[in-house]
């Protein structure tokens, strides 16, 4: 590598360090961890049910559920979102809480349950767990209506 490449690499390294430092002033370690490496991310092939929700902020979230229809237990849940890091973290944390829960148990998950595990969010991002819960509520309702 030449000197210009080395300088560029050093610049990128320092810039990432600054970004990480600023991010850690705003968000908890859990939010940063889940936004950088979300759990249960991605579309699912042949889900039992899927649906998406458009939040008032303009972000969308979509859940894919594989349900054991005999006992109405969520066997697997994945998600995608076009939202910000806190939306990714909220969706990820919700999937962790909902997996292996009955439909009834999962329907009781509320935004404050997600906020608590994420150790809070700045006021400008408290709508993110609301988006995740609203999306889950919508997909569960769709599933239950399909069983009528």
C-alpha atoms as a PDB file:
ATOM      1  CA  UNK A   1       0.000   0.000   0.000  1.00  0.00           C
ATOM      2  CA  UNK A   2       1.132   3.513  -0.619  1.00  0.00           C
ATOM      3  CA  UNK A   3       1.138   6.434   1.749  1.00  0.00           C
ATOM      4  CA  UNK A   4      -2.203   7.766   0.432  1.00  0.00           C
ATOM      5  CA  UNK A   5      -3.886   4.407   1.105  1.00  0.00           C
ATOM      6  CA  UNK A   6      -2.444   4.347   4.627  1.00  0.00           C
ATOM      7  CA  UNK A   7      -3.691   7.886   5.272  1.00  0.00           C
ATOM      8  CA  UNK A   8      -7.147   6.979   4.032  1.00  0.00           C
ATOM      9  CA  UNK A   9      -7.275   3.852   6.211  1.00  0.00           C
ATOM     10  CA  UNK A  10      -6.219   5.916   9.235  1.00  0.00           C
ATOM     11  CA  UNK A  11      -8.868   8.549   8.452  1.00  0.00           C
ATOM     12  CA  UNK A  12     -11.606   5.883   8.225  1.00  0.00           C
ATOM     13  CA  UNK A  13     -10.439   4.259  11.461  1.00  0.00           C
ATOM     14  CA  UNK A  14     -10.504   7.592  13.319  1.00  0.00           C
ATOM     15  CA  UNK A  15     -13.881   8.559  11.858  1.00  0.00           C
ATOM     16  CA  UNK A  16     -15.421   5.242  12.951  1.00  0.00           C
ATOM     17  CA  UNK A  17     -13.981   5.747  16.434  1.00  0.00           C
ATOM     18  CA  UNK A  18     -15.622   9.195  16.627  1.00  0.00           C
ATOM     19  CA  UNK A  19     -18.944   7.790  15.428  1.00  0.00           C
ATOM     20  CA  UNK A  20     -18.785   4.983  18.010  1.00  0.00           C
ATOM     21  CA  UNK A  21     -17.982   7.460  20.799  1.00  0.00           C
ATOM     22  CA  UNK A  22     -20.883   9.748  19.860  1.00  0.00           C
ATOM     23  CA  UNK A  23     -23.284   6.815  19.526  1.00  0.00           C
ATOM     24  CA  UNK A  24     -22.345   5.541  22.996  1.00  0.00           C
ATOM     25  CA  UNK A  25     -23.251   8.950  24.464  1.00  0.00           C
ATOM     26  CA  UNK A  26     -26.782   8.667  23.071  1.00  0.00           C
ATOM     27  CA  UNK A  27     -27.702   4.976  23.155  1.00  0.00           C
ATOM     28  CA  UNK A  28     -27.281   2.084  25.586  1.00  0.00           C
ATOM     29  CA  UNK A  29     -24.905  -0.761  24.828  1.00  0.00           C
ATOM     30  CA  UNK A  30     -27.928  -3.007  24.155  1.00  0.00           C
ATOM     31  CA  UNK A  31     -29.345  -0.624  21.527  1.00  0.00           C
ATOM     32  CA  UNK A  32     -25.958  -0.363  19.828  1.00  0.00           C
ATOM     33  CA  UNK A  33     -25.449  -4.136  19.922  1.00  0.00           C
ATOM     34  CA  UNK A  34     -28.871  -4.929  18.426  1.00  0.00           C
ATOM     35  CA  UNK A  35     -28.765  -2.159  15.829  1.00  0.00           C
ATOM     36  CA  UNK A  36     -25.329  -3.264  14.589  1.00  0.00           C
ATOM     37  CA  UNK A  37     -25.993  -7.029  14.838  1.00  0.00           C
ATOM     38  CA  UNK A  38     -29.755  -7.591  14.951  1.00  0.00           C
ATOM     39  CA  UNK A  39     -31.155 -10.935  16.022  1.00  0.00           C
ATOM     40  CA  UNK A  40     -33.743 -12.648  13.814  1.00  0.00           C
ATOM     41  CA  UNK A  41     -33.114 -10.291  10.884  1.00  0.00           C
ATOM     42  CA  UNK A  42     -34.375 -11.131   7.430  1.00  0.00           C
ATOM     43  CA  UNK A  43     -37.262 -12.474   5.442  1.00  0.00           C
ATOM     44  CA  UNK A  44     -38.514 -15.973   6.167  1.00  0.00           C
ATOM     45  CA  UNK A  45     -39.365 -18.532   3.519  1.00  0.00           C
ATOM     46  CA  UNK A  46     -42.911 -19.869   3.792  1.00  0.00           C
ATOM     47  CA  UNK A  47     -44.003 -18.102   6.989  1.00  0.00           C
ATOM     48  CA  UNK A  48     -47.340 -19.016   8.507  1.00  0.00           C
ATOM     49  CA  UNK A  49     -48.183 -15.314   8.454  1.00  0.00           C
ATOM     50  CA  UNK A  50     -46.473 -12.045   7.612  1.00  0.00           C
ATOM     51  CA  UNK A  51     -47.478  -8.418   7.585  1.00  0.00           C
ATOM     52  CA  UNK A  52     -45.990  -4.955   7.696  1.00  0.00           C
ATOM     53  CA  UNK A  53     -46.849  -1.684   9.346  1.00  0.00           C
ATOM     54  CA  UNK A  54     -46.058   1.888   8.373  1.00  0.00           C
ATOM     55  CA  UNK A  55     -45.316   4.031  11.394  1.00  0.00           C
ATOM     56  CA  UNK A  56     -46.153   7.737  11.682  1.00  0.00           C
ATOM     57  CA  UNK A  57     -42.441   8.535  11.280  1.00  0.00           C
ATOM     58  CA  UNK A  58     -42.452   6.954   7.814  1.00  0.00           C
ATOM     59  CA  UNK A  59     -40.502   3.841   8.815  1.00  0.00           C
ATOM     60  CA  UNK A  60     -41.920   0.424   7.990  1.00  0.00           C
ATOM     61  CA  UNK A  61     -41.406  -2.840   9.806  1.00  0.00           C
ATOM     62  CA  UNK A  62     -42.383  -6.302   8.663  1.00  0.00           C
ATOM     63  CA  UNK A  63     -42.617  -9.512  10.704  1.00  0.00           C
ATOM     64  CA  UNK A  64     -42.578 -13.092   9.456  1.00  0.00           C
ATOM     65  CA  UNK A  65     -43.896 -15.762  11.823  1.00  0.00           C
ATOM     66  CA  UNK A  66     -43.772 -19.541  11.772  1.00  0.00           C
ATOM     67  CA  UNK A  67     -46.541 -20.668  14.121  1.00  0.00           C
ATOM     68  CA  UNK A  68     -47.237 -24.102  15.518  1.00  0.00           C
ATOM     69  CA  UNK A  69     -50.912 -23.993  14.651  1.00  0.00           C
ATOM     70  CA  UNK A  70     -51.783 -26.854  16.996  1.00  0.00           C
ATOM     71  CA  UNK A  71     -51.022 -24.824  20.120  1.00  0.00           C
ATOM     72  CA  UNK A  72     -50.659 -21.297  18.638  1.00  0.00           C
ATOM     73  CA  UNK A  73     -47.010 -20.908  19.647  1.00  0.00           C
ATOM     74  CA  UNK A  74     -44.620 -18.670  17.699  1.00  0.00           C
ATOM     75  CA  UNK A  75     -41.867 -21.103  16.772  1.00  0.00           C
ATOM     76  CA  UNK A  76     -39.804 -18.611  14.768  1.00  0.00           C
ATOM     77  CA  UNK A  77     -40.090 -14.888  14.139  1.00  0.00           C
ATOM     78  CA  UNK A  78     -37.963 -12.695  11.873  1.00  0.00           C
ATOM     79  CA  UNK A  79     -38.221  -9.085  10.770  1.00  0.00           C
ATOM     80  CA  UNK A  80     -37.005  -6.398   8.422  1.00  0.00           C
ATOM     81  CA  UNK A  81     -37.280  -2.628   8.649  1.00  0.00           C
ATOM     82  CA  UNK A  82     -36.190   0.374   6.652  1.00  0.00           C
ATOM     83  CA  UNK A  83     -35.939   2.352   9.877  1.00  0.00           C
ATOM     84  CA  UNK A  84     -33.117   3.761  11.961  1.00  0.00           C
ATOM     85  CA  UNK A  85     -30.838   1.892  14.363  1.00  0.00           C
ATOM     86  CA  UNK A  86     -33.270   2.170  17.292  1.00  0.00           C
ATOM     87  CA  UNK A  87     -36.031   0.721  15.062  1.00  0.00           C
ATOM     88  CA  UNK A  88     -33.768  -2.201  14.205  1.00  0.00           C
ATOM     89  CA  UNK A  89     -32.944  -2.684  17.900  1.00  0.00           C
ATOM     90  CA  UNK A  90     -36.639  -2.500  18.860  1.00  0.00           C
ATOM     91  CA  UNK A  91     -37.688  -5.016  16.230  1.00  0.00           C
ATOM     92  CA  UNK A  92     -34.845  -7.319  17.185  1.00  0.00           C
ATOM     93  CA  UNK A  93     -35.650  -7.150  20.900  1.00  0.00           C
ATOM     94  CA  UNK A  94     -39.334  -7.781  20.219  1.00  0.00           C
ATOM     95  CA  UNK A  95     -38.516 -10.940  18.234  1.00  0.00           C
ATOM     96  CA  UNK A  96     -36.391 -12.189  21.127  1.00  0.00           C
ATOM     97  CA  UNK A  97     -39.286 -11.640  23.538  1.00  0.00           C
ATOM     98  CA  UNK A  98     -41.967 -13.138  21.264  1.00  0.00           C
ATOM     99  CA  UNK A  99     -40.230 -16.283  20.050  1.00  0.00           C
ATOM    100  CA  UNK A 100     -41.522 -19.484  21.697  1.00  0.00           C
ATOM    101  CA  UNK A 101     -44.432 -17.572  23.229  1.00  0.00           C
ATOM    102  CA  UNK A 102     -48.085 -18.313  22.643  1.00  0.00           C
ATOM    103  CA  UNK A 103     -50.061 -15.863  20.542  1.00  0.00           C
ATOM    104  CA  UNK A 104     -51.792 -14.738  23.732  1.00  0.00           C
ATOM    105  CA  UNK A 105     -48.483 -14.141  25.560  1.00  0.00           C
ATOM    106  CA  UNK A 106     -46.912 -12.342  22.603  1.00  0.00           C
ATOM    107  CA  UNK A 107     -49.935 -10.077  22.241  1.00  0.00           C
ATOM    108  CA  UNK A 108     -49.260  -8.772  25.749  1.00  0.00           C
ATOM    109  CA  UNK A 109     -45.817  -7.372  24.841  1.00  0.00           C
ATOM    110  CA  UNK A 110     -45.981  -3.597  25.072  1.00  0.00           C
ATOM    111  CA  UNK A 111     -43.572  -0.808  24.028  1.00  0.00           C
ATOM    112  CA  UNK A 112     -42.434  -0.250  27.628  1.00  0.00           C
ATOM    113  CA  UNK A 113     -41.358  -3.907  27.816  1.00  0.00           C
ATOM    114  CA  UNK A 114     -39.024  -3.264  24.882  1.00  0.00           C
ATOM    115  CA  UNK A 115     -37.842   0.123  26.216  1.00  0.00           C
ATOM    116  CA  UNK A 116     -36.954  -1.456  29.547  1.00  0.00           C
ATOM    117  CA  UNK A 117     -34.697  -4.110  28.005  1.00  0.00           C
ATOM    118  CA  UNK A 118     -33.137  -1.532  25.670  1.00  0.00           C
ATOM    119  CA  UNK A 119     -32.420   0.611  28.751  1.00  0.00           C
ATOM    120  CA  UNK A 120     -34.401   3.496  27.318  1.00  0.00           C
ATOM    121  CA  UNK A 121     -34.182   5.573  24.173  1.00  0.00           C
ATOM    122  CA  UNK A 122     -33.913   9.316  23.546  1.00  0.00           C
ATOM    123  CA  UNK A 123     -37.339  10.964  23.260  1.00  0.00           C
ATOM    124  CA  UNK A 124     -36.817  11.354  19.526  1.00  0.00           C
ATOM    125  CA  UNK A 125     -36.775   7.540  19.221  1.00  0.00           C
ATOM    126  CA  UNK A 126     -39.385   6.351  21.733  1.00  0.00           C
ATOM    127  CA  UNK A 127     -41.746   5.697  18.811  1.00  0.00           C
ATOM    128  CA  UNK A 128     -39.477   2.851  17.633  1.00  0.00           C
ATOM    129  CA  UNK A 129     -40.701   0.207  20.114  1.00  0.00           C
ATOM    130  CA  UNK A 130     -44.252   1.408  19.372  1.00  0.00           C
ATOM    131  CA  UNK A 131     -43.649   0.629  15.688  1.00  0.00           C
ATOM    132  CA  UNK A 132     -42.401  -2.859  16.598  1.00  0.00           C
ATOM    133  CA  UNK A 133     -45.365  -3.611  18.868  1.00  0.00           C
ATOM    134  CA  UNK A 134     -47.907  -2.202  16.395  1.00  0.00           C
ATOM    135  CA  UNK A 135     -46.405  -4.393  13.676  1.00  0.00           C
ATOM    136  CA  UNK A 136     -46.589  -7.491  15.871  1.00  0.00           C
ATOM    137  CA  UNK A 137     -50.163  -6.670  16.868  1.00  0.00           C
ATOM    138  CA  UNK A 138     -51.127  -6.334  13.200  1.00  0.00           C
ATOM    139  CA  UNK A 139     -49.556  -9.630  12.142  1.00  0.00           C
ATOM    140  CA  UNK A 140     -51.084 -11.503  15.116  1.00  0.00           C
ATOM    141  CA  UNK A 141     -54.511 -10.069  14.300  1.00  0.00           C
ATOM    142  CA  UNK A 142     -54.087 -11.169  10.677  1.00  0.00           C
ATOM    143  CA  UNK A 143     -53.214 -14.686  11.839  1.00  0.00           C
ATOM    144  CA  UNK A 144     -56.176 -14.922  14.230  1.00  0.00           C
ATOM    145  CA  UNK A 145     -58.589 -13.614  11.587  1.00  0.00           C
ATOM    146  CA  UNK A 146     -57.348 -16.249   9.150  1.00  0.00           C
ATOM    147  CA  UNK A 147     -58.330 -18.936  11.672  1.00  0.00           C
ATOM    148  CA  UNK A 148     -61.996 -17.845  11.887  1.00  0.00           C
END
